[in-house]
Amino acid sequence: MDNKKHWENIYQKKEIDGVSWYQKVPVESLQLIKKYSISNSDKIIDIGCGKSFLADNLLELNYTDISLVDISSNALKEVKDRLQNKSLNFIETDILNFNSNDKYDIWHDRAVFHFITNPEGIEKYISLCNKYINNHGILIIGAFAEDGPLKCSGLEIKRYSVDQISGLFKETFELVESFKMLHKTPFDTEQSFLFCVLRKFTNH
């Protein structure tokens, strides 16, 4: 099964709270976006949004320029139907095929980057961040930590340390904050996540 079919199948068959990454209120992501955004008009992009409630919460906080990216049309349709907000920009694509005329002030990725396990894909993802994040812009990555799960949704993942993430992006980004947290899934299990916040250098 190819990548798109895999995720379409998951989002078609599972209830919104039937996936391990579900959060009614994505506390850590919201705290970081509020902390590092300069204004409510900052261009924010959520990579692999799924059926996430991040956009709902950002709209409640009066953010006005939000783009949502996901490979699954089923996931994007549910968010569209739920919010019916014309100010949201929906982009259906595999992130490694992402293309845009815009650049972003905050690039948020909770639980997509760790699914990219091959070196070529990782390099492609880094090049997209280099291209589409503004100077001084913020990259927020939430990935499974070194003591996190080995698989998710039936797929192999790559676990990370702070040094590994900061090392991958060091040519263009500097690490400004990192922390680990335990995410409690809807199934009463816990997953160890690492959040890293990186800022893009001004000379790129």
N, C-alpha and C. Protein backbone atom coordinates (compact mmCIF):
# COMPACT_ATOMS: atom_id res chain seq x y z
N MET A 1 0.85 -1.20 0.00
CA MET A 1 0.00 0.00 0.00
C MET A 1 0.88 1.25 0.00
N ASP A 2 0.60 2.19 -0.91
CA ASP A 2 1.43 3.39 -0.93
C ASP A 2 1.06 4.32 0.22
N ASN A 3 1.87 5.35 0.39
CA ASN A 3 1.75 6.23 1.55
C ASN A 3 0.38 6.90 1.62
N LYS A 4 -0.09 7.41 0.48
CA LYS A 4 -1.38 8.11 0.48
C LYS A 4 -2.52 7.15 0.83
N LYS A 5 -2.53 5.97 0.22
CA LYS A 5 -3.59 5.00 0.51
C LYS A 5 -3.58 4.60 1.98
N HIS A 6 -2.39 4.46 2.53
CA HIS A 6 -2.27 4.09 3.95
C HIS A 6 -2.98 5.11 4.83
N TRP A 7 -2.70 6.40 4.61
CA TRP A 7 -3.28 7.44 5.48
C TRP A 7 -4.74 7.70 5.17
N GLU A 8 -5.14 7.58 3.91
CA GLU A 8 -6.56 7.72 3.59
C GLU A 8 -7.36 6.63 4.31
N ASN A 9 -6.81 5.44 4.33
CA ASN A 9 -7.47 4.31 4.97
C ASN A 9 -7.61 4.55 6.48
N ILE A 10 -6.57 5.05 7.10
CA ILE A 10 -6.62 5.33 8.54
C ILE A 10 -7.67 6.38 8.86
N TYR A 11 -7.65 7.49 8.11
CA TYR A 11 -8.56 8.59 8.44
C TYR A 11 -10.00 8.29 8.03
N GLN A 12 -10.19 7.37 7.09
CA GLN A 12 -11.54 6.98 6.69
C GLN A 12 -12.17 6.04 7.71
N LYS A 13 -11.36 5.15 8.29
CA LYS A 13 -11.90 4.09 9.14
C LYS A 13 -11.92 4.44 10.62
N LYS A 14 -11.03 5.31 11.06
CA LYS A 14 -10.91 5.57 12.49
C LYS A 14 -11.63 6.84 12.91
N GLU A 15 -12.24 6.79 14.09
CA GLU A 15 -12.84 8.00 14.66
C GLU A 15 -11.74 9.00 14.99
N ILE A 16 -12.14 10.25 15.19
CA ILE A 16 -11.16 11.31 15.41
C ILE A 16 -10.27 11.04 16.62
N ASP A 17 -10.85 10.39 17.65
CA ASP A 17 -10.06 10.06 18.84
C ASP A 17 -9.60 8.61 18.83
N GLY A 18 -9.61 8.00 17.65
CA GLY A 18 -9.21 6.60 17.53
C GLY A 18 -7.78 6.42 17.05
N VAL A 19 -7.00 7.50 17.09
CA VAL A 19 -5.59 7.44 16.69
C VAL A 19 -4.74 7.87 17.88
N SER A 20 -3.54 7.33 17.95
CA SER A 20 -2.73 7.52 19.16
C SER A 20 -2.30 8.96 19.38
N TRP A 21 -2.22 9.75 18.29
CA TRP A 21 -1.70 11.12 18.43
C TRP A 21 -2.79 12.14 18.75
N TYR A 22 -4.02 11.69 18.94
CA TYR A 22 -5.15 12.60 19.20
C TYR A 22 -4.91 13.47 20.44
N GLN A 23 -5.20 14.76 20.29
CA GLN A 23 -5.22 15.72 21.41
C GLN A 23 -6.40 16.66 21.19
N LYS A 24 -7.30 16.74 22.16
CA LYS A 24 -8.39 17.71 22.05
C LYS A 24 -7.85 19.13 22.07
N VAL A 25 -6.90 19.36 22.97
CA VAL A 25 -6.19 20.65 23.02
C VAL A 25 -4.69 20.34 22.92
N PRO A 26 -4.05 20.70 21.81
CA PRO A 26 -2.62 20.43 21.65
C PRO A 26 -1.79 21.43 22.44
N VAL A 27 -1.68 21.19 23.73
CA VAL A 27 -1.15 22.17 24.68
C VAL A 27 0.26 22.62 24.31
N GLU A 28 1.16 21.67 24.10
CA GLU A 28 2.56 22.02 23.85
C GLU A 28 2.70 22.83 22.57
N SER A 29 2.01 22.41 21.52
CA SER A 29 2.09 23.12 20.24
C SER A 29 1.56 24.54 20.38
N LEU A 30 0.44 24.70 21.05
CA LEU A 30 -0.13 26.03 21.24
C LEU A 30 0.78 26.93 22.05
N GLN A 31 1.35 26.39 23.11
CA GLN A 31 2.25 27.19 23.94
C GLN A 31 3.44 27.68 23.14
N LEU A 32 4.00 26.82 22.31
CA LEU A 32 5.17 27.21 21.53
C LEU A 32 4.81 28.23 20.45
N ILE A 33 3.69 28.04 19.79
CA ILE A 33 3.28 28.99 18.76
C ILE A 33 3.00 30.36 19.38
N LYS A 34 2.32 30.38 20.51
CA LYS A 34 2.06 31.66 21.19
C LYS A 34 3.37 32.31 21.63
N LYS A 35 4.30 31.51 22.10
CA LYS A 35 5.57 32.04 22.62
C LYS A 35 6.42 32.66 21.51
N TYR A 36 6.44 32.03 20.35
CA TYR A 36 7.38 32.44 19.31
C TYR A 36 6.75 33.25 18.17
N SER A 37 5.45 33.35 18.13
CA SER A 37 4.83 34.20 17.11
C SER A 37 5.01 35.66 17.50
N ILE A 38 5.15 36.50 16.50
CA ILE A 38 5.33 37.94 16.74
C ILE A 38 3.98 38.64 16.74
N SER A 39 3.09 38.20 15.86
CA SER A 39 1.75 38.78 15.81
C SER A 39 0.76 37.72 15.36
N ASN A 40 -0.53 38.04 15.48
CA ASN A 40 -1.57 37.10 15.07
C ASN A 40 -1.67 36.96 13.56
N SER A 41 -0.96 37.81 12.84
CA SER A 41 -0.96 37.72 11.37
C SER A 41 0.23 36.92 10.84
N ASP A 42 1.05 36.37 11.73
CA ASP A 42 2.14 35.50 11.28
C ASP A 42 1.59 34.38 10.41
N LYS A 43 2.36 34.03 9.38
CA LYS A 43 1.96 32.93 8.51
C LYS A 43 2.38 31.62 9.18
N ILE A 44 1.38 30.82 9.54
CA ILE A 44 1.61 29.56 10.26
C ILE A 44 1.22 28.40 9.36
N ILE A 45 2.07 27.38 9.29
CA ILE A 45 1.74 26.18 8.52
C ILE A 45 1.86 24.97 9.43
N ASP A 46 0.85 24.11 9.38
CA ASP A 46 0.81 22.88 10.18
C ASP A 46 1.00 21.70 9.25
N ILE A 47 2.13 21.02 9.40
CA ILE A 47 2.49 19.92 8.52
C ILE A 47 1.89 18.62 9.05
N GLY A 48 1.12 17.94 8.19
CA GLY A 48 0.48 16.69 8.61
C GLY A 48 -0.59 16.95 9.65
N CYS A 49 -1.47 17.87 9.34
CA CYS A 49 -2.48 18.31 10.32
C CYS A 49 -3.45 17.20 10.69
N GLY A 50 -3.70 16.26 9.77
CA GLY A 50 -4.71 15.23 10.04
C GLY A 50 -6.04 15.87 10.39
N LYS A 51 -6.69 15.33 11.42
CA LYS A 51 -7.96 15.91 11.89
C LYS A 51 -7.73 16.74 13.15
N SER A 52 -6.51 17.19 13.33
CA SER A 52 -6.08 17.89 14.54
C SER A 52 -6.95 19.09 14.87
N PHE A 53 -7.00 19.40 16.18
CA PHE A 53 -7.71 20.57 16.67
C PHE A 53 -6.79 21.78 16.82
N LEU A 54 -5.58 21.70 16.29
CA LEU A 54 -4.68 22.85 16.39
C LEU A 54 -5.27 24.08 15.71
N ALA A 55 -5.81 23.91 14.50
CA ALA A 55 -6.38 25.05 13.77
C ALA A 55 -7.55 25.66 14.53
N ASP A 56 -8.40 24.83 15.12
CA ASP A 56 -9.54 25.33 15.90
C ASP A 56 -9.05 26.25 17.01
N ASN A 57 -8.02 25.78 17.71
CA ASN A 57 -7.49 26.55 18.83
C ASN A 57 -6.78 27.81 18.38
N LEU A 58 -6.08 27.75 17.25
CA LEU A 58 -5.41 28.94 16.73
C LEU A 58 -6.42 29.99 16.30
N LEU A 59 -7.52 29.55 15.70
CA LEU A 59 -8.58 30.50 15.31
C LEU A 59 -9.19 31.16 16.54
N GLU A 60 -9.36 30.40 17.60
CA GLU A 60 -9.90 30.97 18.85
C GLU A 60 -8.95 32.01 19.43
N LEU A 61 -7.66 31.86 19.14
CA LEU A 61 -6.66 32.83 19.60
C LEU A 61 -6.46 33.97 18.60
N ASN A 62 -7.31 33.99 17.57
CA ASN A 62 -7.34 35.08 16.58
C ASN A 62 -6.14 35.11 15.63
N TYR A 63 -5.52 33.95 15.40
CA TYR A 63 -4.53 33.88 14.33
C TYR A 63 -5.28 33.87 13.00
N THR A 64 -4.73 34.57 12.02
CA THR A 64 -5.50 34.85 10.80
C THR A 64 -4.92 34.23 9.53
N ASP A 65 -3.72 33.67 9.59
CA ASP A 65 -3.08 33.15 8.37
C ASP A 65 -2.55 31.74 8.65
N ILE A 66 -3.42 30.76 8.45
CA ILE A 66 -3.12 29.38 8.83
C ILE A 66 -3.24 28.48 7.60
N SER A 67 -2.19 27.72 7.32
CA SER A 67 -2.22 26.73 6.24
C SER A 67 -2.12 25.34 6.85
N LEU A 68 -2.93 24.43 6.33
CA LEU A 68 -2.97 23.06 6.84
C LEU A 68 -2.59 22.10 5.72
N VAL A 69 -1.57 21.29 5.97
CA VAL A 69 -1.06 20.36 4.97
C VAL A 69 -1.30 18.93 5.44
N ASP A 70 -1.86 18.10 4.55
CA ASP A 70 -1.95 16.68 4.85
C ASP A 70 -2.04 15.90 3.55
N ILE A 71 -1.57 14.67 3.60
CA ILE A 71 -1.63 13.78 2.45
C ILE A 71 -3.04 13.23 2.24
N SER A 72 -3.87 13.28 3.29
CA SER A 72 -5.19 12.65 3.27
C SER A 72 -6.31 13.65 2.97
N SER A 73 -7.03 13.41 1.89
CA SER A 73 -8.19 14.24 1.58
C SER A 73 -9.30 14.02 2.61
N ASN A 74 -9.40 12.80 3.14
CA ASN A 74 -10.41 12.52 4.17
C ASN A 74 -10.18 13.37 5.41
N ALA A 75 -8.94 13.47 5.84
CA ALA A 75 -8.62 14.27 7.02
C ALA A 75 -8.92 15.74 6.78
N LEU A 76 -8.48 16.27 5.65
CA LEU A 76 -8.69 17.69 5.36
C LEU A 76 -10.17 18.01 5.23
N LYS A 77 -10.94 17.10 4.63
CA LYS A 77 -12.38 17.35 4.48
C LYS A 77 -13.05 17.45 5.84
N GLU A 78 -12.66 16.60 6.78
CA GLU A 78 -13.29 16.65 8.10
C GLU A 78 -12.99 17.98 8.79
N VAL A 79 -11.75 18.46 8.67
CA VAL A 79 -11.41 19.75 9.28
C VAL A 79 -12.18 20.87 8.59
N LYS A 80 -12.27 20.83 7.27
CA LYS A 80 -13.04 21.83 6.52
C LYS A 80 -14.48 21.86 6.98
N ASP A 81 -15.09 20.69 7.05
CA ASP A 81 -16.50 20.60 7.44
C ASP A 81 -16.71 21.06 8.88
N ARG A 82 -15.75 20.77 9.73
CA ARG A 82 -15.87 21.13 11.14
C ARG A 82 -15.74 22.64 11.35
N LEU A 83 -14.83 23.26 10.63
CA LEU A 83 -14.53 24.67 10.89
C LEU A 83 -15.25 25.62 9.96
N GLN A 84 -15.41 25.22 8.70
CA GLN A 84 -16.08 26.07 7.71
C GLN A 84 -15.56 27.51 7.79
N ASN A 85 -14.24 27.62 7.82
CA ASN A 85 -13.62 28.94 7.94
C ASN A 85 -12.83 29.23 6.67
N LYS A 86 -13.23 30.28 5.98
CA LYS A 86 -12.64 30.57 4.68
C LYS A 86 -11.21 31.11 4.77
N SER A 87 -10.78 31.47 5.95
CA SER A 87 -9.43 32.03 6.08
C SER A 87 -8.36 30.94 6.16
N LEU A 88 -8.78 29.69 6.27
CA LEU A 88 -7.83 28.58 6.30
C LEU A 88 -7.42 28.18 4.89
N ASN A 89 -6.16 27.84 4.74
CA ASN A 89 -5.65 27.39 3.45
C ASN A 89 -5.34 25.89 3.55
N PHE A 90 -6.06 25.08 2.78
CA PHE A 90 -5.89 23.62 2.83
C PHE A 90 -5.03 23.15 1.66
N ILE A 91 -4.00 22.35 1.97
CA ILE A 91 -3.07 21.87 0.95
C ILE A 91 -2.97 20.35 1.06
N GLU A 92 -3.46 19.66 0.03
CA GLU A 92 -3.41 18.19 0.03
C GLU A 92 -2.17 17.72 -0.72
N THR A 93 -1.19 17.22 0.01
CA THR A 93 0.04 16.74 -0.62
C THR A 93 0.85 15.93 0.38
N ASP A 94 1.65 15.03 -0.13
CA ASP A 94 2.74 14.44 0.65
C ASP A 94 3.73 15.57 0.93
N ILE A 95 4.19 15.71 2.15
CA ILE A 95 5.05 16.84 2.48
C ILE A 95 6.30 16.87 1.61
N LEU A 96 6.80 15.72 1.21
CA LEU A 96 8.02 15.70 0.40
C LEU A 96 7.78 16.19 -1.02
N ASN A 97 6.51 16.36 -1.40
CA ASN A 97 6.16 16.94 -2.70
C ASN A 97 5.62 18.36 -2.55
N PHE A 98 5.77 18.94 -1.37
CA PHE A 98 5.20 20.25 -1.07
C PHE A 98 5.77 21.33 -1.98
N ASN A 99 4.88 22.22 -2.42
CA ASN A 99 5.28 23.37 -3.25
C ASN A 99 4.36 24.53 -2.92
N SER A 100 4.91 25.72 -2.80
CA SER A 100 4.09 26.87 -2.43
C SER A 100 4.73 28.15 -2.95
N ASN A 101 3.90 29.15 -3.17
CA ASN A 101 4.40 30.49 -3.51
C ASN A 101 4.64 31.32 -2.25
N ASP A 102 4.28 30.76 -1.10
CA ASP A 102 4.40 31.48 0.16
C ASP A 102 5.63 31.03 0.94
N LYS A 103 6.02 31.88 1.90
CA LYS A 103 6.99 31.50 2.92
C LYS A 103 6.31 31.70 4.27
N TYR A 104 6.81 31.01 5.27
CA TYR A 104 6.09 30.94 6.54
C TYR A 104 6.95 31.42 7.70
N ASP A 105 6.25 32.01 8.69
CA ASP A 105 6.92 32.48 9.90
C ASP A 105 7.05 31.37 10.93
N ILE A 106 6.07 30.47 10.96
CA ILE A 106 6.11 29.34 11.88
C ILE A 106 5.72 28.07 11.12
N TRP A 107 6.62 27.12 11.12
CA TRP A 107 6.41 25.79 10.50
C TRP A 107 6.27 24.80 11.64
N HIS A 108 5.08 24.23 11.78
CA HIS A 108 4.80 23.33 12.90
C HIS A 108 4.61 21.91 12.39
N ASP A 109 5.34 20.99 13.00
CA ASP A 109 5.26 19.57 12.61
C ASP A 109 5.26 18.73 13.88
N ARG A 110 4.10 18.21 14.22
CA ARG A 110 4.01 17.26 15.33
C ARG A 110 3.70 15.88 14.74
N ALA A 111 4.71 15.02 14.74
CA ALA A 111 4.54 13.61 14.36
C ALA A 111 4.44 13.36 12.86
N VAL A 112 5.14 14.17 12.05
CA VAL A 112 5.33 13.81 10.65
C VAL A 112 6.80 13.47 10.39
N PHE A 113 7.69 14.34 10.86
CA PHE A 113 9.12 14.17 10.56
C PHE A 113 9.63 12.79 10.94
N HIS A 114 9.13 12.22 12.04
CA HIS A 114 9.68 10.92 12.46
C HIS A 114 9.24 9.76 11.56
N PHE A 115 8.27 10.00 10.67
CA PHE A 115 7.89 8.97 9.70
C PHE A 115 8.84 8.93 8.50
N ILE A 116 9.65 9.96 8.34
CA ILE A 116 10.59 10.01 7.21
C ILE A 116 11.87 9.32 7.67
N THR A 117 12.09 8.11 7.19
CA THR A 117 13.17 7.29 7.75
C THR A 117 14.36 7.14 6.81
N ASN A 118 14.22 7.49 5.54
CA ASN A 118 15.35 7.32 4.63
C ASN A 118 16.12 8.63 4.49
N PRO A 119 17.44 8.57 4.30
CA PRO A 119 18.27 9.78 4.24
C PRO A 119 17.84 10.77 3.16
N GLU A 120 17.41 10.25 2.00
CA GLU A 120 17.01 11.14 0.91
C GLU A 120 15.77 11.94 1.31
N GLY A 121 14.82 11.27 1.97
CA GLY A 121 13.61 11.96 2.41
C GLY A 121 13.91 13.01 3.46
N ILE A 122 14.80 12.68 4.38
CA ILE A 122 15.17 13.63 5.43
C ILE A 122 15.84 14.86 4.82
N GLU A 123 16.74 14.64 3.86
CA GLU A 123 17.40 15.76 3.19
C GLU A 123 16.38 16.63 2.44
N LYS A 124 15.41 15.98 1.81
CA LYS A 124 14.37 16.72 1.10
C LYS A 124 13.56 17.58 2.07
N TYR A 125 13.20 17.02 3.21
CA TYR A 125 12.43 17.76 4.22
C TYR A 125 13.23 18.97 4.69
N ILE A 126 14.51 18.78 4.97
CA ILE A 126 15.34 19.90 5.42
C ILE A 126 15.40 20.98 4.35
N SER A 127 15.51 20.58 3.09
CA SER A 127 15.56 21.58 2.00
C SER A 127 14.26 22.35 1.90
N LEU A 128 13.13 21.69 2.18
CA LEU A 128 11.84 22.39 2.17
C LEU A 128 11.79 23.43 3.28
N CYS A 129 12.28 23.08 4.46
CA CYS A 129 12.32 24.03 5.57
C CYS A 129 13.22 25.22 5.22
N ASN A 130 14.36 24.94 4.61
CA ASN A 130 15.27 26.01 4.19
C ASN A 130 14.59 26.96 3.21
N LYS A 131 13.81 26.40 2.31
CA LYS A 131 13.20 27.18 1.23
C LYS A 131 11.97 27.96 1.69
N TYR A 132 11.15 27.36 2.53
CA TYR A 132 9.83 27.92 2.79
C TYR A 132 9.67 28.59 4.16
N ILE A 133 10.70 28.60 4.98
CA ILE A 133 10.62 29.31 6.26
C ILE A 133 11.36 30.63 6.12
N ASN A 134 10.72 31.72 6.53
CA ASN A 134 11.31 33.05 6.44
C ASN A 134 12.56 33.17 7.31
N ASN A 135 13.44 34.11 6.97
CA ASN A 135 14.54 34.47 7.85
C ASN A 135 13.98 34.85 9.22
N HIS A 136 14.62 34.40 10.26
CA HIS A 136 14.15 34.55 11.65
C HIS A 136 12.94 33.67 11.95
N GLY A 137 12.45 32.93 10.94
CA GLY A 137 11.27 32.09 11.14
C GLY A 137 11.55 30.93 12.08
N ILE A 138 10.47 30.33 12.56
CA ILE A 138 10.54 29.30 13.59
C ILE A 138 10.11 27.94 13.03
N LEU A 139 10.91 26.93 13.34
CA LEU A 139 10.60 25.54 13.01
C LEU A 139 10.33 24.80 14.31
N ILE A 140 9.13 24.25 14.44
CA ILE A 140 8.75 23.46 15.61
C ILE A 140 8.59 22.02 15.17
N ILE A 141 9.39 21.14 15.74
CA ILE A 141 9.30 19.71 15.42
C ILE A 141 9.00 18.93 16.69
N GLY A 142 7.92 18.15 16.64
CA GLY A 142 7.60 17.21 17.71
C GLY A 142 7.73 15.80 17.15
N ALA A 143 8.69 15.05 17.65
CA ALA A 143 8.97 13.70 17.13
C ALA A 143 9.14 12.74 18.30
N PHE A 144 9.05 11.46 18.02
CA PHE A 144 9.29 10.49 19.07
C PHE A 144 10.72 10.61 19.59
N ALA A 145 10.85 10.63 20.91
CA ALA A 145 12.16 10.72 21.55
C ALA A 145 12.86 9.37 21.49
N GLU A 146 14.09 9.34 21.98
CA GLU A 146 14.90 8.11 21.92
C GLU A 146 14.26 6.95 22.68
N ASP A 147 13.45 7.27 23.68
CA ASP A 147 12.75 6.22 24.42
C ASP A 147 11.28 6.12 24.01
N GLY A 148 10.96 6.65 22.83
CA GLY A 148 9.60 6.59 22.31
C GLY A 148 9.33 5.30 21.56
N PRO A 149 8.13 5.19 20.97
CA PRO A 149 7.76 3.98 20.22
C PRO A 149 8.67 3.74 19.01
N LEU A 150 8.72 2.50 18.59
CA LEU A 150 9.49 2.12 17.40
C LEU A 150 8.64 2.17 16.14
N LYS A 151 7.31 2.06 16.31
CA LYS A 151 6.39 2.10 15.18
C LYS A 151 5.18 2.93 15.54
N CYS A 152 4.49 3.41 14.50
CA CYS A 152 3.24 4.14 14.71
C CYS A 152 2.35 3.90 13.50
N SER A 153 1.09 3.58 13.75
CA SER A 153 0.14 3.30 12.66
C SER A 153 0.66 2.23 11.71
N GLY A 154 1.39 1.27 12.25
CA GLY A 154 1.90 0.17 11.44
C GLY A 154 3.14 0.50 10.63
N LEU A 155 3.67 1.71 10.81
CA LEU A 155 4.84 2.14 10.04
C LEU A 155 6.06 2.30 10.94
N GLU A 156 7.22 2.00 10.38
CA GLU A 156 8.47 2.26 11.08
C GLU A 156 8.66 3.76 11.24
N ILE A 157 9.25 4.16 12.35
CA ILE A 157 9.55 5.58 12.56
C ILE A 157 11.03 5.71 12.94
N LYS A 158 11.47 6.96 13.04
CA LYS A 158 12.85 7.26 13.46
C LYS A 158 12.78 8.07 14.74
N ARG A 159 13.43 7.59 15.79
CA ARG A 159 13.43 8.30 17.06
C ARG A 159 14.61 9.27 17.11
N TYR A 160 14.44 10.35 17.88
CA TYR A 160 15.44 11.43 17.84
C TYR A 160 15.86 11.89 19.22
N SER A 161 17.11 12.36 19.29
CA SER A 161 17.61 13.13 20.42
C SER A 161 17.67 14.60 20.02
N VAL A 162 17.86 15.48 20.99
CA VAL A 162 18.01 16.90 20.69
C VAL A 162 19.21 17.12 19.77
N ASP A 163 20.32 16.49 20.08
CA ASP A 163 21.53 16.68 19.27
C ASP A 163 21.33 16.22 17.83
N GLN A 164 20.57 15.15 17.64
CA GLN A 164 20.33 14.66 16.28
C GLN A 164 19.52 15.66 15.48
N ILE A 165 18.46 16.19 16.06
CA ILE A 165 17.63 17.15 15.33
C ILE A 165 18.39 18.45 15.08
N SER A 166 19.03 18.98 16.10
CA SER A 166 19.76 20.24 15.91
C SER A 166 20.90 20.04 14.91
N GLY A 167 21.51 18.85 14.91
CA GLY A 167 22.58 18.56 13.97
C GLY A 167 22.10 18.51 12.53
N LEU A 168 20.94 17.94 12.31
CA LEU A 168 20.40 17.84 10.95
C LEU A 168 20.12 19.21 10.35
N PHE A 169 19.68 20.15 11.17
CA PHE A 169 19.26 21.46 10.66
C PHE A 169 20.30 22.56 10.89
N LYS A 170 21.50 22.20 11.35
CA LYS A 170 22.46 23.20 11.85
C LYS A 170 22.98 24.14 10.78
N GLU A 171 22.90 23.77 9.51
CA GLU A 171 23.41 24.65 8.45
C GLU A 171 22.56 25.90 8.29
N THR A 172 21.30 25.83 8.69
CA THR A 172 20.37 26.93 8.45
C THR A 172 19.62 27.37 9.69
N PHE A 173 19.58 26.53 10.71
CA PHE A 173 18.76 26.81 11.90
C PHE A 173 19.59 26.65 13.17
N GLU A 174 19.25 27.46 14.17
CA GLU A 174 19.85 27.30 15.50
C GLU A 174 18.77 26.83 16.47
N LEU A 175 19.15 25.93 17.35
CA LEU A 175 18.24 25.42 18.37
C LEU A 175 18.03 26.49 19.44
N VAL A 176 16.77 26.79 19.75
CA VAL A 176 16.49 27.79 20.79
C VAL A 176 15.78 27.19 22.00
N GLU A 177 15.17 26.02 21.83
CA GLU A 177 14.47 25.40 22.96
C GLU A 177 14.22 23.94 22.63
N SER A 178 14.23 23.11 23.66
CA SER A 178 13.83 21.71 23.49
C SER A 178 13.32 21.18 24.82
N PHE A 179 12.43 20.21 24.73
CA PHE A 179 11.94 19.54 25.94
C PHE A 179 11.30 18.21 25.55
N LYS A 180 11.26 17.30 26.51
CA LYS A 180 10.56 16.04 26.34
C LYS A 180 9.24 16.08 27.10
N MET A 181 8.27 15.32 26.61
CA MET A 181 6.99 15.21 27.30
C MET A 181 6.40 13.83 27.02
N LEU A 182 5.54 13.40 27.93
CA LEU A 182 4.82 12.14 27.74
C LEU A 182 3.42 12.44 27.24
N HIS A 183 3.13 11.96 26.05
CA HIS A 183 1.79 12.13 25.48
C HIS A 183 0.93 10.93 25.89
N LYS A 184 -0.18 11.21 26.53
CA LYS A 184 -1.11 10.15 26.90
C LYS A 184 -2.09 9.93 25.76
N THR A 185 -2.10 8.74 25.21
CA THR A 185 -2.96 8.43 24.08
C THR A 185 -4.39 8.16 24.55
N PRO A 186 -5.35 8.14 23.61
CA PRO A 186 -6.73 7.79 23.99
C PRO A 186 -6.86 6.36 24.52
N PHE A 187 -5.81 5.57 24.36
CA PHE A 187 -5.85 4.17 24.79
C PHE A 187 -5.15 3.97 26.13
N ASP A 188 -4.92 5.07 26.86
CA ASP A 188 -4.28 5.04 28.18
C ASP A 188 -2.86 4.47 28.15
N THR A 189 -2.17 4.72 27.06
CA THR A 189 -0.74 4.43 27.00
C THR A 189 0.01 5.76 26.90
N GLU A 190 1.31 5.71 27.10
CA GLU A 190 2.11 6.93 27.04
C GLU A 190 3.18 6.81 25.96
N GLN A 191 3.42 7.93 25.27
CA GLN A 191 4.45 7.99 24.24
C GLN A 191 5.40 9.13 24.57
N SER A 192 6.69 8.86 24.49
CA SER A 192 7.70 9.88 24.79
C SER A 192 7.98 10.71 23.55
N PHE A 193 7.68 12.00 23.63
CA PHE A 193 7.90 12.94 22.53
C PHE A 193 9.03 13.90 22.88
N LEU A 194 9.73 14.32 21.85
CA LEU A 194 10.72 15.39 21.96
C LEU A 194 10.26 16.56 21.11
N PHE A 195 10.19 17.74 21.71
CA PHE A 195 9.89 18.96 20.96
C PHE A 195 11.16 19.78 20.83
N CYS A 196 11.46 20.21 19.62
CA CYS A 196 12.58 21.11 19.36
C CYS A 196 12.08 22.35 18.64
N VAL A 197 12.55 23.50 19.07
CA VAL A 197 12.25 24.77 18.42
C VAL A 197 13.55 25.32 17.86
N LEU A 198 13.54 25.60 16.56
CA LEU A 198 14.74 26.11 15.89
C LEU A 198 14.40 27.40 15.16
N ARG A 199 15.36 28.33 15.13
CA ARG A 199 15.15 29.60 14.44
C ARG A 199 16.08 29.68 13.23
N LYS A 200 15.53 30.15 12.11
CA LYS A 200 16.33 30.22 10.88
C LYS A 200 17.29 31.40 10.94
N PHE A 201 18.51 31.14 10.50
CA PHE A 201 19.52 32.20 10.43
C PHE A 201 19.07 33.29 9.46
N THR A 202 19.60 34.48 9.63
CA THR A 202 19.21 35.60 8.77
C THR A 202 19.93 35.57 7.43
N ASN A 203 21.00 34.82 7.31
CA ASN A 203 21.79 34.87 6.07
C ASN A 203 21.43 33.76 5.10
N HIS A 204 20.23 33.18 5.27
CA HIS A 204 19.79 32.14 4.33
C HIS A 204 18.45 32.54 3.75
